[in-house]
C-alpha atoms as a PDB file:
ATOM      1  CA  MET A   1     -31.143 -15.642  43.604  1.00  0.00           C
ATOM      2  CA  MET A   2     -30.882 -12.961  40.873  1.00  0.00           C
ATOM      3  CA  ASP A   3     -34.018 -12.063  39.011  1.00  0.00           C
ATOM      4  CA  ALA A   4     -34.185 -11.315  35.387  1.00  0.00           C
ATOM      5  CA  GLY A   5     -33.506  -7.551  35.820  1.00  0.00           C
ATOM      6  CA  SER A   6     -30.487  -7.919  37.767  1.00  0.00           C
ATOM      7  CA  ASN A   7     -29.081 -10.619  35.397  1.00  0.00           C
ATOM      8  CA  ASN A   8     -29.792  -8.278  32.580  1.00  0.00           C
ATOM      9  CA  ASP A   9     -27.983  -5.451  34.431  1.00  0.00           C
ATOM     10  CA  VAL A  10     -24.859  -7.822  34.709  1.00  0.00           C
ATOM     11  CA  ASN A  11     -24.931  -8.746  30.986  1.00  0.00           C
ATOM     12  CA  ILE A  12     -25.066  -4.927  30.136  1.00  0.00           C
ATOM     13  CA  LYS A  13     -22.109  -4.261  32.372  1.00  0.00           C
ATOM     14  CA  ALA A  14     -20.197  -7.164  31.088  1.00  0.00           C
ATOM     15  CA  LYS A  15     -21.025  -5.984  27.498  1.00  0.00           C
ATOM     16  CA  ALA A  16     -19.796  -2.254  28.345  1.00  0.00           C
ATOM     17  CA  LEU A  17     -16.464  -3.571  29.673  1.00  0.00           C
ATOM     18  CA  ALA A  18     -15.834  -6.049  26.856  1.00  0.00           C
ATOM     19  CA  ASP A  19     -16.558  -2.965  24.497  1.00  0.00           C
ATOM     20  CA  ALA A  20     -13.989  -0.784  26.466  1.00  0.00           C
ATOM     21  CA  LEU A  21     -11.476  -3.747  26.641  1.00  0.00           C
ATOM     22  CA  GLU A  22     -11.852  -4.110  22.732  1.00  0.00           C
ATOM     23  CA  ARG A  23     -11.332  -0.280  22.018  1.00  0.00           C
ATOM     24  CA  TYR A  24      -8.150  -0.191  23.998  1.00  0.00           C
ATOM     25  CA  ALA A  25      -6.644  -3.507  22.939  1.00  0.00           C
ATOM     26  CA  GLY A  26      -3.124  -2.894  22.009  1.00  0.00           C
ATOM     27  CA  THR A  27      -3.151   0.845  23.132  1.00  0.00           C
ATOM     28  CA  ARG A  28      -0.060   1.960  25.064  1.00  0.00           C
ATOM     29  CA  GLY A  29      -0.851   3.765  28.492  1.00  0.00           C
ATOM     30  CA  ALA A  30      -4.531   2.219  28.253  1.00  0.00           C
ATOM     31  CA  LEU A  31      -4.557   1.127  32.015  1.00  0.00           C
ATOM     32  CA  ILE A  32      -5.824   4.582  33.521  1.00  0.00           C
ATOM     33  CA  PRO A  33      -8.555   5.247  30.981  1.00  0.00           C
ATOM     34  CA  LEU A  34      -9.680   1.589  31.266  1.00  0.00           C
ATOM     35  CA  LEU A  35      -9.925   1.692  34.963  1.00  0.00           C
ATOM     36  CA  GLN A  36     -11.856   4.946  34.705  1.00  0.00           C
ATOM     37  CA  GLU A  37     -14.305   3.361  32.209  1.00  0.00           C
ATOM     38  CA  ALA A  38     -14.661   0.157  34.511  1.00  0.00           C
ATOM     39  CA  GLN A  39     -15.163   2.271  37.567  1.00  0.00           C
ATOM     40  CA  GLU A  40     -17.768   4.241  35.576  1.00  0.00           C
ATOM     41  CA  ILE A  41     -19.675   0.941  34.554  1.00  0.00           C
ATOM     42  CA  TYR A  42     -19.649  -0.861  37.961  1.00  0.00           C
ATOM     43  CA  GLY A  43     -19.439   2.243  40.367  1.00  0.00           C
ATOM     44  CA  TYR A  44     -15.982   1.040  41.774  1.00  0.00           C
ATOM     45  CA  LEU A  45     -13.379  -1.576  40.747  1.00  0.00           C
ATOM     46  CA  PRO A  46     -13.997  -5.022  41.893  1.00  0.00           C
ATOM     47  CA  ARG A  47     -10.996  -7.267  42.163  1.00  0.00           C
ATOM     48  CA  GLU A  48     -12.237  -9.568  39.353  1.00  0.00           C
ATOM     49  CA  ILE A  49     -12.697  -6.673  36.941  1.00  0.00           C
ATOM     50  CA  MET A  50      -9.044  -5.582  37.652  1.00  0.00           C
ATOM     51  CA  GLN A  51      -7.985  -9.069  36.991  1.00  0.00           C
ATOM     52  CA  GLU A  52      -9.791  -9.089  33.778  1.00  0.00           C
ATOM     53  CA  ILE A  53      -8.077  -5.642  32.706  1.00  0.00           C
ATOM     54  CA  ALA A  54      -4.701  -6.965  33.838  1.00  0.00           C
ATOM     55  CA  GLY A  55      -5.157 -10.229  31.422  1.00  0.00           C
ATOM     56  CA  LYS A  56      -6.492  -8.275  28.463  1.00  0.00           C
ATOM     57  CA  LEU A  57      -3.721  -5.582  28.760  1.00  0.00           C
ATOM     58  CA  LYS A  58      -1.171  -8.445  29.331  1.00  0.00           C
ATOM     59  CA  ILE A  59       0.290  -6.762  32.656  1.00  0.00           C
ATOM     60  CA  PRO A  60       0.713  -8.070  36.039  1.00  0.00           C
ATOM     61  CA  PHE A  61      -2.558  -7.575  38.355  1.00  0.00           C
ATOM     62  CA  SER A  62      -0.067  -5.868  41.032  1.00  0.00           C
ATOM     63  CA  GLN A  63       0.535  -3.237  38.442  1.00  0.00           C
ATOM     64  CA  VAL A  64      -3.293  -2.673  38.008  1.00  0.00           C
ATOM     65  CA  TYR A  65      -3.959  -2.739  41.593  1.00  0.00           C
ATOM     66  CA  GLY A  66      -0.837  -0.329  42.408  1.00  0.00           C
ATOM     67  CA  VAL A  67      -2.308   2.224  40.052  1.00  0.00           C
ATOM     68  CA  ALA A  68      -5.864   1.717  41.307  1.00  0.00           C
ATOM     69  CA  THR A  69      -4.717   2.341  44.940  1.00  0.00           C
ATOM     70  CA  PHE A  70      -2.284   5.032  44.036  1.00  0.00           C
ATOM     71  CA  TYR A  71      -4.996   7.396  42.627  1.00  0.00           C
ATOM     72  CA  THR A  72      -7.821   8.712  44.793  1.00  0.00           C
ATOM     73  CA  GLN A  73     -10.147   8.697  41.976  1.00  0.00           C
ATOM     74  CA  PHE A  74     -10.480   4.982  42.135  1.00  0.00           C
ATOM     75  CA  HIS A  75     -12.264   3.143  44.575  1.00  0.00           C
ATOM     76  CA  LEU A  76     -12.094  -0.643  45.482  1.00  0.00           C
ATOM     77  CA  LYS A  77     -15.359  -0.970  47.596  1.00  0.00           C
ATOM     78  CA  PRO A  78     -18.798   0.101  46.547  1.00  0.00           C
ATOM     79  CA  ARG A  79     -19.841   3.552  47.193  1.00  0.00           C
ATOM     80  CA  GLY A  80     -22.991   5.191  48.224  1.00  0.00           C
ATOM     81  CA  ARG A  81     -25.475   6.873  45.727  1.00  0.00           C
ATOM     82  CA  ASN A  82     -24.681  10.000  47.268  1.00  0.00           C
ATOM     83  CA  ILE A  83     -21.208  11.016  48.168  1.00  0.00           C
ATOM     84  CA  ILE A  84     -20.511  13.393  51.080  1.00  0.00           C
ATOM     85  CA  ARG A  85     -17.206  15.442  51.158  1.00  0.00           C
ATOM     86  CA  VAL A  86     -16.470  17.236  54.351  1.00  0.00           C
ATOM     87  CA  CYS A  87     -13.727  19.890  54.072  1.00  0.00           C
ATOM     88  CA  GLN A  88     -10.922  19.712  56.434  1.00  0.00           C
ATOM     89  CA  GLY A  89      -8.917  22.443  55.379  1.00  0.00           C
ATOM     90  CA  THR A  90      -7.615  25.178  57.645  1.00  0.00           C
ATOM     91  CA  ALA A  91     -10.587  27.740  57.395  1.00  0.00           C
ATOM     92  CA  CYS A  92     -12.920  24.721  57.813  1.00  0.00           C
ATOM     93  CA  HIS A  93     -10.900  23.196  60.588  1.00  0.00           C
ATOM     94  CA  VAL A  94     -10.837  26.500  62.521  1.00  0.00           C
ATOM     95  CA  ARG A  95     -14.626  27.258  62.024  1.00  0.00           C
ATOM     96  CA  GLY A  96     -15.936  23.792  63.333  1.00  0.00           C
ATOM     97  CA  GLY A  97     -15.175  21.308  60.351  1.00  0.00           C
ATOM     98  CA  ALA A  98     -14.333  18.526  63.050  1.00  0.00           C
ATOM     99  CA  ARG A  99     -17.839  19.113  64.828  1.00  0.00           C
ATOM    100  CA  LEU A 100     -19.388  18.949  61.244  1.00  0.00           C
ATOM    101  CA  LEU A 101     -17.831  15.519  60.479  1.00  0.00           C
ATOM    102  CA  GLU A 102     -18.842  14.165  63.863  1.00  0.00           C
ATOM    103  CA  ALA A 103     -22.545  15.173  63.468  1.00  0.00           C
ATOM    104  CA  ILE A 104     -22.765  13.798  59.951  1.00  0.00           C
ATOM    105  CA  SER A 105     -21.043  10.420  61.194  1.00  0.00           C
ATOM    106  CA  ALA A 106     -23.605  10.192  64.165  1.00  0.00           C
ATOM    107  CA  ALA A 107     -26.488  11.044  61.941  1.00  0.00           C
ATOM    108  CA  LEU A 108     -25.690   8.308  59.427  1.00  0.00           C
ATOM    109  CA  GLY A 109     -23.963   5.702  61.718  1.00  0.00           C
ATOM    110  CA  ILE A 110     -20.630   5.541  59.655  1.00  0.00           C
ATOM    111  CA  GLY A 111     -17.278   6.712  59.974  1.00  0.00           C
ATOM    112  CA  LYS A 112     -14.775   8.158  57.644  1.00  0.00           C
ATOM    113  CA  ASN A 113     -14.482   6.472  54.171  1.00  0.00           C
ATOM    114  CA  GLU A 114     -17.367   4.205  54.916  1.00  0.00           C
ATOM    115  CA  THR A 115     -20.749   3.740  53.283  1.00  0.00           C
ATOM    116  CA  THR A 116     -24.192   3.443  54.884  1.00  0.00           C
ATOM    117  CA  ALA A 117     -25.543  -0.161  54.774  1.00  0.00           C
ATOM    118  CA  ASP A 118     -28.455   0.969  52.412  1.00  0.00           C
ATOM    119  CA  GLY A 119     -25.924   2.387  50.040  1.00  0.00           C
ATOM    120  CA  ARG A 120     -27.310   5.871  50.304  1.00  0.00           C
ATOM    121  CA  PHE A 121     -24.194   7.667  51.606  1.00  0.00           C
ATOM    122  CA  THR A 122     -20.678   7.379  51.523  1.00  0.00           C
ATOM    123  CA  LEU A 123     -18.546   9.735  53.853  1.00  0.00           C
ATOM    124  CA  GLU A 124     -15.232  11.158  52.907  1.00  0.00           C
ATOM    125  CA  THR A 125     -13.000  13.911  53.981  1.00  0.00           C
ATOM    126  CA  VAL A 126     -11.171  16.244  51.614  1.00  0.00           C
ATOM    127  CA  ALA A 127      -8.154  18.677  52.346  1.00  0.00           C
ATOM    128  CA  CYS A 128      -9.989  21.612  50.608  1.00  0.00           C
ATOM    129  CA  LEU A 129     -13.095  22.198  48.761  1.00  0.00           C
ATOM    130  CA  GLY A 130     -12.025  25.709  47.566  1.00  0.00           C
ATOM    131  CA  SER A 131     -14.881  27.525  49.263  1.00  0.00           C
ATOM    132  CA  CYS A 132     -13.110  28.888  52.420  1.00  0.00           C
ATOM    133  CA  GLY A 133     -15.210  31.863  52.672  1.00  0.00           C
ATOM    134  CA  LEU A 134     -18.187  29.572  53.381  1.00  0.00           C
ATOM    135  CA  ALA A 135     -16.258  27.397  56.000  1.00  0.00           C
ATOM    136  CA  PRO A 136     -17.239  24.949  57.284  1.00  0.00           C
ATOM    137  CA  VAL A 137     -18.174  23.363  54.046  1.00  0.00           C
ATOM    138  CA  MET A 138     -19.390  20.131  52.679  1.00  0.00           C
ATOM    139  CA  MET A 139     -20.381  18.759  49.471  1.00  0.00           C
ATOM    140  CA  ILE A 140     -22.997  16.261  48.608  1.00  0.00           C
ATOM    141  CA  ASN A 141     -22.445  14.993  45.139  1.00  0.00           C
ATOM    142  CA  GLU A 142     -21.911  18.307  43.184  1.00  0.00           C
ATOM    143  CA  GLU A 143     -24.082  20.692  45.732  1.00  0.00           C
ATOM    144  CA  THR A 144     -21.983  22.744  48.230  1.00  0.00           C
ATOM    145  CA  TYR A 145     -23.049  23.421  51.422  1.00  0.00           C
ATOM    146  CA  GLY A 146     -21.512  26.178  53.603  1.00  0.00           C
ATOM    147  CA  ARG A 147     -21.609  28.059  56.838  1.00  0.00           C
ATOM    148  CA  LEU A 148     -22.738  24.933  58.377  1.00  0.00           C
ATOM    149  CA  VAL A 149     -23.500  24.030  61.879  1.00  0.00           C
ATOM    150  CA  PRO A 150     -24.193  20.562  63.204  1.00  0.00           C
ATOM    151  CA  GLU A 151     -28.024  21.275  63.724  1.00  0.00           C
ATOM    152  CA  LYS A 152     -28.319  21.687  59.905  1.00  0.00           C
ATOM    153  CA  ILE A 153     -27.182  18.380  59.057  1.00  0.00           C
ATOM    154  CA  PRO A 154     -30.379  16.357  59.551  1.00  0.00           C
ATOM    155  CA  ALA A 155     -32.374  18.579  57.266  1.00  0.00           C
ATOM    156  CA  ILE A 156     -29.727  18.561  54.695  1.00  0.00           C
ATOM    157  CA  LEU A 157     -29.362  14.704  54.638  1.00  0.00           C
ATOM    158  CA  GLU A 158     -33.119  14.313  54.337  1.00  0.00           C
ATOM    159  CA  LYS A 159     -33.056  15.995  50.799  1.00  0.00           C
ATOM    160  CA  TYR A 160     -30.983  12.773  49.649  1.00  0.00           C
END
């Protein structure tokens, strides 16, 4: 059963989406900006929201789904409050990036592209974080951590 607070949250999100749909009504090329706004509102793109967008833009759901799954910026499942990105670039790979990923995965009990049951973390890999001189590197949200060894992982995760 939803409490009044969560019901209010649902109403706020629905209103924000309705406002976005209204702003983009009849606008050519509105799909990507609408998906971005919907994801900002919900934290990901629920199927029913993509269906609503398709209906309002008068385009097939398959087109909305195709765009949402093509671009890596869009997510179809809820994500954690903290996004961990582990670099898999050449410098990081050579300097122990795989061991780093294994240590994070073991500490959190999740695999790549998974979210912890409590919604605290989502673990992702990226091709390069652009901090090769600090390899191996990971980011948590906007904070970069470099020159990492697996032993440092628990203390870093504890901050979040």
